[in-house]
Full PDB file with SEQRES, HELIX, SHEET, SSBOND, CRYST1, ORIGX, SCALE, CONECT and MASTER records, all heavy atoms in Angstrom:
SEQRES   1 A   40  GLU ALA PHE LEU VAL ALA GLU ILE GLY GLY LYS HIS VAL          
SEQRES   2 A   40  GLY TYR ILE MET CYS LYS THR GLU TYR GLY PHE SER ASN          
SEQRES   3 A   40  PHE LYS LYS LEU GLY PHE VAL LYS LYS GLY HIS MET VAL          
SEQRES   4 A   40  SER                                                          
SHEET    1 AA1 2 LEU A   4  ILE A   8  0                                        
SHEET    2 AA1 2 LYS A  11  ILE A  16 -1                                        
SHEET    1 AA2 2 CYS A  18  PHE A  24  0                                        
SHEET    2 AA2 2 PHE A  32  MET A  38 -1                                        
CRYST1    1.000    1.000    1.000  90.00  90.00  90.00 P 1           1          
ORIGX1      1.000000  0.000000  0.000000        0.00000                         
ORIGX2      0.000000  1.000000  0.000000        0.00000                         
ORIGX3      0.000000  0.000000  1.000000        0.00000                         
SCALE1      1.000000  0.000000  0.000000        0.00000                         
SCALE2      0.000000  1.000000  0.000000        0.00000                         
SCALE3      0.000000  0.000000  1.000000        0.00000                         
ATOM      1  N   GLU A   1     -30.632 -19.439  34.917  1.00  0.00           N  
ATOM      2  CA  GLU A   1     -29.843 -20.629  35.261  1.00  0.00           C  
ATOM      3  C   GLU A   1     -28.434 -20.580  34.640  1.00  0.00           C  
ATOM      4  O   GLU A   1     -27.536 -21.262  35.125  1.00  0.00           O  
ATOM      5  CB  GLU A   1     -30.554 -21.906  34.806  1.00  0.00           C  
ATOM      6  CG  GLU A   1     -31.880 -22.160  35.476  1.00  0.00           C  
ATOM      7  CD  GLU A   1     -33.051 -21.515  34.754  1.00  0.00           C  
ATOM      8  OE1 GLU A   1     -32.832 -20.633  33.893  1.00  0.00           O  
ATOM      9  OE2 GLU A   1     -34.194 -21.874  35.056  1.00  0.00           O  
ATOM     10  N   ALA A   2     -28.294 -19.846  33.549  1.00  0.00           N  
ATOM     11  CA  ALA A   2     -26.996 -19.776  32.875  1.00  0.00           C  
ATOM     12  C   ALA A   2     -26.525 -18.329  32.665  1.00  0.00           C  
ATOM     13  O   ALA A   2     -25.755 -18.060  31.782  1.00  0.00           O  
ATOM     14  CB  ALA A   2     -27.048 -20.501  31.526  1.00  0.00           C  
ATOM     15  N   PHE A   3     -26.994 -17.432  33.525  1.00  0.00           N  
ATOM     16  CA  PHE A   3     -26.511 -16.055  33.570  1.00  0.00           C  
ATOM     17  C   PHE A   3     -25.842 -15.897  34.908  1.00  0.00           C  
ATOM     18  O   PHE A   3     -26.491 -15.692  35.942  1.00  0.00           O  
ATOM     19  CB  PHE A   3     -27.657 -15.083  33.402  1.00  0.00           C  
ATOM     20  CG  PHE A   3     -27.248 -13.690  32.994  1.00  0.00           C  
ATOM     21  CD1 PHE A   3     -28.004 -12.954  32.101  1.00  0.00           C  
ATOM     22  CD2 PHE A   3     -26.101 -13.084  33.520  1.00  0.00           C  
ATOM     23  CE1 PHE A   3     -27.623 -11.662  31.702  1.00  0.00           C  
ATOM     24  CE2 PHE A   3     -25.707 -11.818  33.151  1.00  0.00           C  
ATOM     25  CZ  PHE A   3     -26.486 -11.110  32.243  1.00  0.00           C  
ATOM     26  N   LEU A   4     -24.508 -16.005  34.916  1.00  0.00           N  
ATOM     27  CA  LEU A   4     -23.776 -16.155  36.168  1.00  0.00           C  
ATOM     28  C   LEU A   4     -22.733 -15.051  36.337  1.00  0.00           C  
ATOM     29  O   LEU A   4     -22.258 -14.496  35.347  1.00  0.00           O  
ATOM     30  CB  LEU A   4     -23.089 -17.517  36.205  1.00  0.00           C  
ATOM     31  CG  LEU A   4     -23.947 -18.717  35.806  1.00  0.00           C  
ATOM     32  CD1 LEU A   4     -23.094 -19.992  35.765  1.00  0.00           C  
ATOM     33  CD2 LEU A   4     -25.146 -18.885  36.727  1.00  0.00           C  
ATOM     34  N   VAL A   5     -22.372 -14.797  37.571  1.00  0.00           N  
ATOM     35  CA  VAL A   5     -21.325 -13.835  37.859  1.00  0.00           C  
ATOM     36  C   VAL A   5     -20.265 -14.480  38.744  1.00  0.00           C  
ATOM     37  O   VAL A   5     -20.550 -15.413  39.495  1.00  0.00           O  
ATOM     38  CB  VAL A   5     -21.849 -12.557  38.539  1.00  0.00           C  
ATOM     39  CG1 VAL A   5     -22.733 -11.780  37.599  1.00  0.00           C  
ATOM     40  CG2 VAL A   5     -22.590 -12.896  39.826  1.00  0.00           C  
ATOM     41  N   ALA A   6     -19.045 -13.960  38.657  1.00  0.00           N  
ATOM     42  CA  ALA A   6     -17.951 -14.342  39.543  1.00  0.00           C  
ATOM     43  C   ALA A   6     -17.587 -13.128  40.381  1.00  0.00           C  
ATOM     44  O   ALA A   6     -17.420 -12.024  39.854  1.00  0.00           O  
ATOM     45  CB  ALA A   6     -16.742 -14.813  38.732  1.00  0.00           C  
ATOM     46  N   GLU A   7     -17.440 -13.332  41.694  1.00  0.00           N  
ATOM     47  CA  GLU A   7     -17.127 -12.258  42.598  1.00  0.00           C  
ATOM     48  C   GLU A   7     -15.960 -12.629  43.501  1.00  0.00           C  
ATOM     49  O   GLU A   7     -15.823 -13.794  43.924  1.00  0.00           O  
ATOM     50  CB  GLU A   7     -18.320 -11.968  43.545  1.00  0.00           C  
ATOM     51  CG  GLU A   7     -19.439 -11.188  42.942  1.00  0.00           C  
ATOM     52  CD  GLU A   7     -20.490 -10.865  43.964  1.00  0.00           C  
ATOM     53  OE1 GLU A   7     -20.663 -11.639  44.934  1.00  0.00           O  
ATOM     54  OE2 GLU A   7     -21.157  -9.837  43.828  1.00  0.00           O  
ATOM     55  N   ILE A   8     -15.131 -11.630  43.798  1.00  0.00           N  
ATOM     56  CA  ILE A   8     -14.069 -11.792  44.793  1.00  0.00           C  
ATOM     57  C   ILE A   8     -14.188 -10.643  45.760  1.00  0.00           C  
ATOM     58  O   ILE A   8     -14.022  -9.479  45.387  1.00  0.00           O  
ATOM     59  CB  ILE A   8     -12.666 -11.820  44.150  1.00  0.00           C  
ATOM     60  CG1 ILE A   8     -12.509 -13.046  43.249  1.00  0.00           C  
ATOM     61  CG2 ILE A   8     -11.573 -11.814  45.225  1.00  0.00           C  
ATOM     62  CD1 ILE A   8     -11.174 -13.115  42.535  1.00  0.00           C  
ATOM     63  N   GLY A   9     -14.475 -10.942  47.008  1.00  0.00           N  
ATOM     64  CA  GLY A   9     -14.621  -9.901  47.997  1.00  0.00           C  
ATOM     65  C   GLY A   9     -15.669  -8.876  47.652  1.00  0.00           C  
ATOM     66  O   GLY A   9     -15.513  -7.681  47.951  1.00  0.00           O  
ATOM     67  N   GLY A  10     -16.756  -9.294  47.027  1.00  0.00           N  
ATOM     68  CA  GLY A  10     -17.828  -8.389  46.640  1.00  0.00           C  
ATOM     69  C   GLY A  10     -17.590  -7.669  45.306  1.00  0.00           C  
ATOM     70  O   GLY A  10     -18.468  -6.939  44.865  1.00  0.00           O  
ATOM     71  N   LYS A  11     -16.427  -7.855  44.709  1.00  0.00           N  
ATOM     72  CA  LYS A  11     -16.127  -7.226  43.416  1.00  0.00           C  
ATOM     73  C   LYS A  11     -16.460  -8.189  42.270  1.00  0.00           C  
ATOM     74  O   LYS A  11     -16.061  -9.355  42.294  1.00  0.00           O  
ATOM     75  CB  LYS A  11     -14.653  -6.840  43.334  1.00  0.00           C  
ATOM     76  CG  LYS A  11     -14.234  -6.230  42.008  1.00  0.00           C  
ATOM     77  CD  LYS A  11     -12.775  -5.889  41.974  1.00  0.00           C  
ATOM     78  CE  LYS A  11     -12.387  -5.280  40.609  1.00  0.00           C  
ATOM     79  NZ  LYS A  11     -10.947  -4.909  40.545  1.00  0.00           N  
ATOM     80  N   HIS A  12     -17.147  -7.680  41.272  1.00  0.00           N  
ATOM     81  CA  HIS A  12     -17.483  -8.489  40.103  1.00  0.00           C  
ATOM     82  C   HIS A  12     -16.225  -8.609  39.234  1.00  0.00           C  
ATOM     83  O   HIS A  12     -15.667  -7.581  38.809  1.00  0.00           O  
ATOM     84  CB  HIS A  12     -18.593  -7.843  39.304  1.00  0.00           C  
ATOM     85  CG  HIS A  12     -19.918  -7.816  39.998  1.00  0.00           C  
ATOM     86  ND1 HIS A  12     -20.164  -7.035  41.112  1.00  0.00           N  
ATOM     87  CD2 HIS A  12     -21.070  -8.500  39.765  1.00  0.00           C  
ATOM     88  CE1 HIS A  12     -21.407  -7.215  41.539  1.00  0.00           C  
ATOM     89  NE2 HIS A  12     -21.987  -8.086  40.740  1.00  0.00           N  
ATOM     90  N   VAL A  13     -15.824  -9.834  38.956  1.00  0.00           N  
ATOM     91  CA  VAL A  13     -14.602 -10.024  38.151  1.00  0.00           C  
ATOM     92  C   VAL A  13     -14.869 -10.812  36.869  1.00  0.00           C  
ATOM     93  O   VAL A  13     -13.984 -10.917  36.018  1.00  0.00           O  
ATOM     94  CB  VAL A  13     -13.517 -10.757  38.986  1.00  0.00           C  
ATOM     95  CG1 VAL A  13     -13.142  -9.914  40.209  1.00  0.00           C  
ATOM     96  CG2 VAL A  13     -13.946 -12.155  39.402  1.00  0.00           C  
ATOM     97  N   GLY A  14     -16.053 -11.362  36.731  1.00  0.00           N  
ATOM     98  CA  GLY A  14     -16.356 -12.099  35.519  1.00  0.00           C  
ATOM     99  C   GLY A  14     -17.849 -12.404  35.421  1.00  0.00           C  
ATOM    100  O   GLY A  14     -18.602 -12.249  36.380  1.00  0.00           O  
ATOM    101  N   TYR A  15     -18.266 -12.828  34.251  1.00  0.00           N  
ATOM    102  CA  TYR A  15     -19.650 -13.199  34.039  1.00  0.00           C  
ATOM    103  C   TYR A  15     -19.756 -14.140  32.837  1.00  0.00           C  
ATOM    104  O   TYR A  15     -18.823 -14.253  32.024  1.00  0.00           O  
ATOM    105  CB  TYR A  15     -20.532 -11.948  33.796  1.00  0.00           C  
ATOM    106  CG  TYR A  15     -20.344 -11.358  32.387  1.00  0.00           C  
ATOM    107  CD1 TYR A  15     -21.124 -11.780  31.322  1.00  0.00           C  
ATOM    108  CD2 TYR A  15     -19.342 -10.423  32.147  1.00  0.00           C  
ATOM    109  CE1 TYR A  15     -20.916 -11.270  30.038  1.00  0.00           C  
ATOM    110  CE2 TYR A  15     -19.151  -9.915  30.881  1.00  0.00           C  
ATOM    111  CZ  TYR A  15     -19.946 -10.338  29.836  1.00  0.00           C  
ATOM    112  OH  TYR A  15     -19.748  -9.846  28.573  1.00  0.00           O  
ATOM    113  N   ILE A  16     -20.900 -14.790  32.716  1.00  0.00           N  
ATOM    114  CA  ILE A  16     -21.267 -15.516  31.528  1.00  0.00           C  
ATOM    115  C   ILE A  16     -22.757 -15.395  31.340  1.00  0.00           C  
ATOM    116  O   ILE A  16     -23.521 -15.373  32.321  1.00  0.00           O  
ATOM    117  CB  ILE A  16     -20.858 -17.014  31.627  1.00  0.00           C  
ATOM    118  CG1 ILE A  16     -21.036 -17.708  30.283  1.00  0.00           C  
ATOM    119  CG2 ILE A  16     -21.623 -17.742  32.722  1.00  0.00           C  
ATOM    120  CD1 ILE A  16     -20.375 -19.089  30.223  1.00  0.00           C  
ATOM    121  N   MET A  17     -23.209 -15.211  30.097  1.00  0.00           N  
ATOM    122  CA  MET A  17     -24.643 -15.163  29.847  1.00  0.00           C  
ATOM    123  C   MET A  17     -24.939 -15.959  28.580  1.00  0.00           C  
ATOM    124  O   MET A  17     -24.153 -16.010  27.641  1.00  0.00           O  
ATOM    125  CB  MET A  17     -25.126 -13.705  29.707  1.00  0.00           C  
ATOM    126  CG  MET A  17     -24.526 -12.870  28.632  1.00  0.00           C  
ATOM    127  SD  MET A  17     -25.192 -11.186  28.699  1.00  0.00           S  
ATOM    128  CE  MET A  17     -24.457 -10.489  27.199  1.00  0.00           C  
ATOM    129  N   CYS A  18     -26.082 -16.609  28.611  1.00  0.00           N  
ATOM    130  CA  CYS A  18     -26.480 -17.507  27.551  1.00  0.00           C  
ATOM    131  C   CYS A  18     -27.938 -17.259  27.170  1.00  0.00           C  
ATOM    132  O   CYS A  18     -28.662 -16.514  27.820  1.00  0.00           O  
ATOM    133  CB  CYS A  18     -26.310 -18.968  27.988  1.00  0.00           C  
ATOM    134  SG  CYS A  18     -24.658 -19.363  28.640  1.00  0.00           S  
ATOM    135  N   LYS A  19     -28.368 -17.932  26.113  1.00  0.00           N  
ATOM    136  CA  LYS A  19     -29.772 -17.890  25.730  1.00  0.00           C  
ATOM    137  C   LYS A  19     -30.153 -19.262  25.146  1.00  0.00           C  
ATOM    138  O   LYS A  19     -29.279 -20.109  24.899  1.00  0.00           O  
ATOM    139  CB  LYS A  19     -30.049 -16.803  24.684  1.00  0.00           C  
ATOM    140  CG  LYS A  19     -29.358 -16.994  23.358  1.00  0.00           C  
ATOM    141  CD  LYS A  19     -29.703 -15.847  22.407  1.00  0.00           C  
ATOM    142  CE  LYS A  19     -29.011 -15.999  21.043  1.00  0.00           C  
ATOM    143  NZ  LYS A  19     -29.409 -14.926  20.115  1.00  0.00           N  
ATOM    144  N   THR A  20     -31.440 -19.465  24.954  1.00  0.00           N  
ATOM    145  CA  THR A  20     -31.898 -20.693  24.325  1.00  0.00           C  
ATOM    146  C   THR A  20     -32.548 -20.343  22.995  1.00  0.00           C  
ATOM    147  O   THR A  20     -33.057 -19.240  22.810  1.00  0.00           O  
ATOM    148  CB  THR A  20     -32.912 -21.435  25.200  1.00  0.00           C  
ATOM    149  OG1 THR A  20     -34.013 -20.567  25.511  1.00  0.00           O  
ATOM    150  CG2 THR A  20     -32.268 -21.896  26.501  1.00  0.00           C  
ATOM    151  N   GLU A  21     -32.503 -21.274  22.083  1.00  0.00           N  
ATOM    152  CA  GLU A  21     -33.083 -21.090  20.752  1.00  0.00           C  
ATOM    153  C   GLU A  21     -33.394 -22.451  20.129  1.00  0.00           C  
ATOM    154  O   GLU A  21     -32.871 -23.469  20.575  1.00  0.00           O  
ATOM    155  CB  GLU A  21     -32.106 -20.313  19.858  1.00  0.00           C  
ATOM    156  CG  GLU A  21     -30.724 -20.930  19.738  1.00  0.00           C  
ATOM    157  CD  GLU A  21     -29.663 -19.973  19.224  1.00  0.00           C  
ATOM    158  OE1 GLU A  21     -29.804 -18.750  19.476  1.00  0.00           O  
ATOM    159  OE2 GLU A  21     -28.712 -20.445  18.617  1.00  0.00           O  
ATOM    160  N   TYR A  22     -34.255 -22.446  19.141  1.00  0.00           N  
ATOM    161  CA  TYR A  22     -34.591 -23.642  18.401  1.00  0.00           C  
ATOM    162  C   TYR A  22     -34.018 -23.541  17.001  1.00  0.00           C  
ATOM    163  O   TYR A  22     -34.073 -22.469  16.380  1.00  0.00           O  
ATOM    164  CB  TYR A  22     -36.104 -23.839  18.348  1.00  0.00           C  
ATOM    165  CG  TYR A  22     -36.706 -24.214  19.702  1.00  0.00           C  
ATOM    166  CD1 TYR A  22     -37.110 -23.203  20.589  1.00  0.00           C  
ATOM    167  CD2 TYR A  22     -36.854 -25.553  20.074  1.00  0.00           C  
ATOM    168  CE1 TYR A  22     -37.665 -23.542  21.818  1.00  0.00           C  
ATOM    169  CE2 TYR A  22     -37.396 -25.875  21.310  1.00  0.00           C  
ATOM    170  CZ  TYR A  22     -37.783 -24.874  22.162  1.00  0.00           C  
ATOM    171  OH  TYR A  22     -38.341 -25.195  23.402  1.00  0.00           O  
ATOM    172  N   GLY A  23     -33.458 -24.623  16.520  1.00  0.00           N  
ATOM    173  CA  GLY A  23     -32.883 -24.607  15.171  1.00  0.00           C  
ATOM    174  C   GLY A  23     -32.326 -25.957  14.798  1.00  0.00           C  
ATOM    175  O   GLY A  23     -32.457 -26.953  15.528  1.00  0.00           O  
ATOM    176  N   PHE A  24     -31.695 -25.992  13.647  1.00  0.00           N  
ATOM    177  CA  PHE A  24     -31.097 -27.237  13.174  1.00  0.00           C  
ATOM    178  C   PHE A  24     -29.945 -27.653  14.067  1.00  0.00           C  
ATOM    179  O   PHE A  24     -29.144 -26.815  14.526  1.00  0.00           O  
ATOM    180  CB  PHE A  24     -30.639 -27.079  11.725  1.00  0.00           C  
ATOM    181  CG  PHE A  24     -31.772 -26.949  10.754  1.00  0.00           C  
ATOM    182  CD1 PHE A  24     -32.034 -25.758  10.124  1.00  0.00           C  
ATOM    183  CD2 PHE A  24     -32.596 -28.047  10.476  1.00  0.00           C  
ATOM    184  CE1 PHE A  24     -33.090 -25.623   9.233  1.00  0.00           C  
ATOM    185  CE2 PHE A  24     -33.642 -27.938   9.596  1.00  0.00           C  
ATOM    186  CZ  PHE A  24     -33.904 -26.698   8.975  1.00  0.00           C  
ATOM    187  N   SER A  25     -29.839 -28.935  14.271  1.00  0.00           N  
ATOM    188  CA  SER A  25     -28.799 -29.488  15.122  1.00  0.00           C  
ATOM    189  C   SER A  25     -27.417 -29.248  14.525  1.00  0.00           C  
ATOM    190  O   SER A  25     -27.235 -29.248  13.314  1.00  0.00           O  
ATOM    191  CB  SER A  25     -29.029 -30.993  15.294  1.00  0.00           C  
ATOM    192  OG  SER A  25     -27.938 -31.608  15.943  1.00  0.00           O  
ATOM    193  N   ASN A  26     -26.458 -29.065  15.396  1.00  0.00           N  
ATOM    194  CA  ASN A  26     -25.061 -29.000  14.981  1.00  0.00           C  
ATOM    195  C   ASN A  26     -24.443 -30.367  14.797  1.00  0.00           C  
ATOM    196  O   ASN A  26     -23.304 -30.482  14.370  1.00  0.00           O  
ATOM    197  CB  ASN A  26     -24.246 -28.203  16.016  1.00  0.00           C  
ATOM    198  CG  ASN A  26     -24.609 -26.738  16.043  1.00  0.00           C  
ATOM    199  OD1 ASN A  26     -24.472 -26.037  15.067  1.00  0.00           O  
ATOM    200  ND2 ASN A  26     -25.087 -26.278  17.198  1.00  0.00           N  
ATOM    201  N   PHE A  27     -25.222 -31.422  15.110  1.00  0.00           N  
ATOM    202  CA  PHE A  27     -24.695 -32.784  15.043  1.00  0.00           C  
ATOM    203  C   PHE A  27     -25.528 -33.695  14.137  1.00  0.00           C  
ATOM    204  O   PHE A  27     -24.975 -34.539  13.459  1.00  0.00           O  
ATOM    205  CB  PHE A  27     -24.646 -33.390  16.441  1.00  0.00           C  
ATOM    206  CG  PHE A  27     -23.690 -32.677  17.369  1.00  0.00           C  
ATOM    207  CD1 PHE A  27     -24.130 -31.629  18.175  1.00  0.00           C  
ATOM    208  CD2 PHE A  27     -22.349 -33.012  17.409  1.00  0.00           C  
ATOM    209  CE1 PHE A  27     -23.261 -30.964  19.041  1.00  0.00           C  
ATOM    210  CE2 PHE A  27     -21.456 -32.348  18.245  1.00  0.00           C  
ATOM    211  CZ  PHE A  27     -21.927 -31.316  19.061  1.00  0.00           C  
ATOM    212  N   LYS A  28     -26.840 -33.520  14.118  1.00  0.00           N  
ATOM    213  CA  LYS A  28     -27.715 -34.388  13.330  1.00  0.00           C  
ATOM    214  C   LYS A  28     -28.086 -33.688  12.024  1.00  0.00           C  
ATOM    215  O   LYS A  28     -28.419 -32.512  12.036  1.00  0.00           O  
ATOM    216  CB  LYS A  28     -28.977 -34.710  14.123  1.00  0.00           C  
ATOM    217  CG  LYS A  28     -28.719 -35.439  15.443  1.00  0.00           C  
ATOM    218  CD  LYS A  28     -30.025 -35.653  16.176  1.00  0.00           C  
ATOM    219  CE  LYS A  28     -29.798 -36.401  17.500  1.00  0.00           C  
ATOM    220  NZ  LYS A  28     -29.056 -35.569  18.468  1.00  0.00           N  
ATOM    221  N   LYS A  29     -28.060 -34.411  10.930  1.00  0.00           N  
ATOM    222  CA  LYS A  29     -28.294 -33.833   9.602  1.00  0.00           C  
ATOM    223  C   LYS A  29     -29.685 -33.223   9.486  1.00  0.00           C  
ATOM    224  O   LYS A  29     -29.887 -32.192   8.881  1.00  0.00           O  
ATOM    225  CB  LYS A  29     -28.066 -34.873   8.535  1.00  0.00           C  
ATOM    226  CG  LYS A  29     -26.615 -35.246   8.326  1.00  0.00           C  
ATOM    227  CD  LYS A  29     -26.440 -36.209   7.166  1.00  0.00           C  
ATOM    228  CE  LYS A  29     -24.962 -36.553   6.954  1.00  0.00           C  
ATOM    229  NZ  LYS A  29     -24.768 -37.497   5.818  1.00  0.00           N  
ATOM    230  N   LEU A  30     -30.670 -33.915  10.025  1.00  0.00           N  
ATOM    231  CA  LEU A  30     -32.067 -33.446   9.867  1.00  0.00           C  
ATOM    232  C   LEU A  30     -32.712 -33.075  11.189  1.00  0.00           C  
ATOM    233  O   LEU A  30     -33.897 -32.890  11.263  1.00  0.00           O  
ATOM    234  CB  LEU A  30     -32.896 -34.553   9.188  1.00  0.00           C  
ATOM    235  CG  LEU A  30     -32.424 -34.979   7.781  1.00  0.00           C  
ATOM    236  CD1 LEU A  30     -33.280 -36.116   7.264  1.00  0.00           C  
ATOM    237  CD2 LEU A  30     -32.468 -33.796   6.843  1.00  0.00           C  
ATOM    238  N   GLY A  31     -31.907 -32.942  12.223  1.00  0.00           N  
ATOM    239  CA  GLY A  31     -32.468 -32.693  13.526  1.00  0.00           C  
ATOM    240  C   GLY A  31     -32.854 -31.229  13.751  1.00  0.00           C  
ATOM    241  O   GLY A  31     -32.134 -30.321  13.359  1.00  0.00           O  
ATOM    242  N   PHE A  32     -34.004 -31.006  14.383  1.00  0.00           N  
ATOM    243  CA  PHE A  32     -34.434 -29.677  14.801  1.00  0.00           C  
ATOM    244  C   PHE A  32     -34.531 -29.737  16.310  1.00  0.00           C  
ATOM    245  O   PHE A  32     -35.368 -30.483  16.849  1.00  0.00           O  
ATOM    246  CB  PHE A  32     -35.784 -29.329  14.164  1.00  0.00           C  
ATOM    247  CG  PHE A  32     -36.137 -27.874  14.296  1.00  0.00           C  
ATOM    248  CD1 PHE A  32     -35.559 -26.932  13.446  1.00  0.00           C  
ATOM    249  CD2 PHE A  32     -37.062 -27.436  15.227  1.00  0.00           C  
ATOM    250  CE1 PHE A  32     -35.874 -25.584  13.540  1.00  0.00           C  
ATOM    251  CE2 PHE A  32     -37.399 -26.114  15.328  1.00  0.00           C  
ATOM    252  CZ  PHE A  32     -36.811 -25.179  14.475  1.00  0.00           C  
ATOM    253  N   VAL A  33     -33.700 -28.997  17.004  1.00  0.00           N  
ATOM    254  CA  VAL A  33     -33.521 -29.204  18.449  1.00  0.00           C  
ATOM    255  C   VAL A  33     -33.577 -27.876  19.228  1.00  0.00           C  
ATOM    256  O   VAL A  33     -33.499 -26.794  18.656  1.00  0.00           O  
ATOM    257  CB  VAL A  33     -32.184 -29.904  18.741  1.00  0.00           C  
ATOM    258  CG1 VAL A  33     -32.123 -31.270  18.065  1.00  0.00           C  
ATOM    259  CG2 VAL A  33     -31.007 -29.032  18.258  1.00  0.00           C  
ATOM    260  N   LYS A  34     -33.684 -28.040  20.547  1.00  0.00           N  
ATOM    261  CA  LYS A  34     -33.534 -26.897  21.432  1.00  0.00           C  
ATOM    262  C   LYS A  34     -32.081 -26.783  21.820  1.00  0.00           C  
ATOM    263  O   LYS A  34     -31.480 -27.745  22.279  1.00  0.00           O  
ATOM    264  CB  LYS A  34     -34.416 -27.089  22.674  1.00  0.00           C  
ATOM    265  CG  LYS A  34     -34.373 -25.911  23.642  1.00  0.00           C  
ATOM    266  CD  LYS A  34     -35.285 -26.149  24.834  1.00  0.00           C  
ATOM    267  CE  LYS A  34     -35.298 -24.912  25.769  1.00  0.00           C  
ATOM    268  NZ  LYS A  34     -36.162 -25.114  26.942  1.00  0.00           N  
ATOM    269  N   LYS A  35     -31.523 -25.591  21.623  1.00  0.00           N  
ATOM    270  CA  LYS A  35     -30.103 -25.379  21.815  1.00  0.00           C  
ATOM    271  C   LYS A  35     -29.827 -24.257  22.823  1.00  0.00           C  
ATOM    272  O   LYS A  35     -30.531 -23.252  22.848  1.00  0.00           O  
ATOM    273  CB  LYS A  35     -29.419 -25.026  20.500  1.00  0.00           C  
ATOM    274  CG  LYS A  35     -29.586 -26.056  19.402  1.00  0.00           C  
ATOM    275  CD  LYS A  35     -28.798 -25.709  18.172  1.00  0.00           C  
ATOM    276  CE  LYS A  35     -29.405 -24.573  17.394  1.00  0.00           C  
ATOM    277  NZ  LYS A  35     -28.718 -24.343  16.101  1.00  0.00           N  
ATOM    278  N   GLY A  36     -28.803 -24.464  23.618  1.00  0.00           N  
ATOM    279  CA  GLY A  36     -28.259 -23.370  24.410  1.00  0.00           C  
ATOM    280  C   GLY A  36     -27.181 -22.662  23.598  1.00  0.00           C  
ATOM    281  O   GLY A  36     -26.481 -23.289  22.813  1.00  0.00           O  
ATOM    282  N   HIS A  37     -27.105 -21.351  23.762  1.00  0.00           N  
ATOM    283  CA  HIS A  37     -26.151 -20.548  23.003  1.00  0.00           C  
ATOM    284  C   HIS A  37     -25.408 -19.650  23.986  1.00  0.00           C  
ATOM    285  O   HIS A  37     -26.010 -18.808  24.652  1.00  0.00           O  
ATOM    286  CB  HIS A  37     -26.862 -19.713  21.948  1.00  0.00           C  
ATOM    287  CG  HIS A  37     -25.955 -18.933  21.062  1.00  0.00           C  
ATOM    288  ND1 HIS A  37     -26.424 -18.085  20.081  1.00  0.00           N  
ATOM    289  CD2 HIS A  37     -24.586 -18.879  20.989  1.00  0.00           C  
ATOM    290  CE1 HIS A  37     -25.398 -17.541  19.461  1.00  0.00           C  
ATOM    291  NE2 HIS A  37     -24.279 -17.994  19.992  1.00  0.00           N  
ATOM    292  N   MET A  38     -24.106 -19.828  24.109  1.00  0.00           N  
ATOM    293  CA  MET A  38     -23.294 -18.969  24.946  1.00  0.00           C  
ATOM    294  C   MET A  38     -23.100 -17.649  24.233  1.00  0.00           C  
ATOM    295  O   MET A  38     -22.431 -17.582  23.196  1.00  0.00           O  
ATOM    296  CB  MET A  38     -21.941 -19.618  25.252  1.00  0.00           C  
ATOM    297  CG  MET A  38     -21.104 -18.840  26.256  1.00  0.00           C  
ATOM    298  SD  MET A  38     -19.437 -19.535  26.428  1.00  0.00           S  
ATOM    299  CE  MET A  38     -19.774 -21.219  26.892  1.00  0.00           C  
ATOM    300  N   VAL A  39     -23.694 -16.618  24.775  1.00  0.00           N  
ATOM    301  CA  VAL A  39     -23.642 -15.301  24.122  1.00  0.00           C  
ATOM    302  C   VAL A  39     -22.347 -14.577  24.438  1.00  0.00           C  
ATOM    303  O   VAL A  39     -21.691 -13.988  23.562  1.00  0.00           O  
ATOM    304  CB  VAL A  39     -24.848 -14.452  24.558  1.00  0.00           C  
ATOM    305  CG1 VAL A  39     -24.741 -13.044  23.971  1.00  0.00           C  
ATOM    306  CG2 VAL A  39     -26.147 -15.112  24.137  1.00  0.00           C  
ATOM    307  N   SER A  40     -21.947 -14.606  25.700  1.00  0.00           N  
ATOM    308  CA  SER A  40     -20.774 -13.818  26.120  1.00  0.00           C  
ATOM    309  C   SER A  40     -20.217 -14.374  27.416  1.00  0.00           C  
ATOM    310  O   SER A  40     -20.977 -14.719  28.340  1.00  0.00           O  
ATOM    311  CB  SER A  40     -21.160 -12.352  26.289  1.00  0.00           C  
ATOM    312  OG  SER A  40     -20.065 -11.556  26.657  1.00  0.00           O  
TER     313      SER A  40                                                      
MASTER        0    0    0    0    4    0    0    6  312    1    0    4          
END                                                                             
């Protein structure tokens, strides 16, 4: 769902890939949440 490509005329010109992980929240002090992580 979050591993995407950009194409122009059949040529690959860009991409994005992500993953999911569980860990401490970046916003809540004590939160343990499911997070998306943009890898590249």
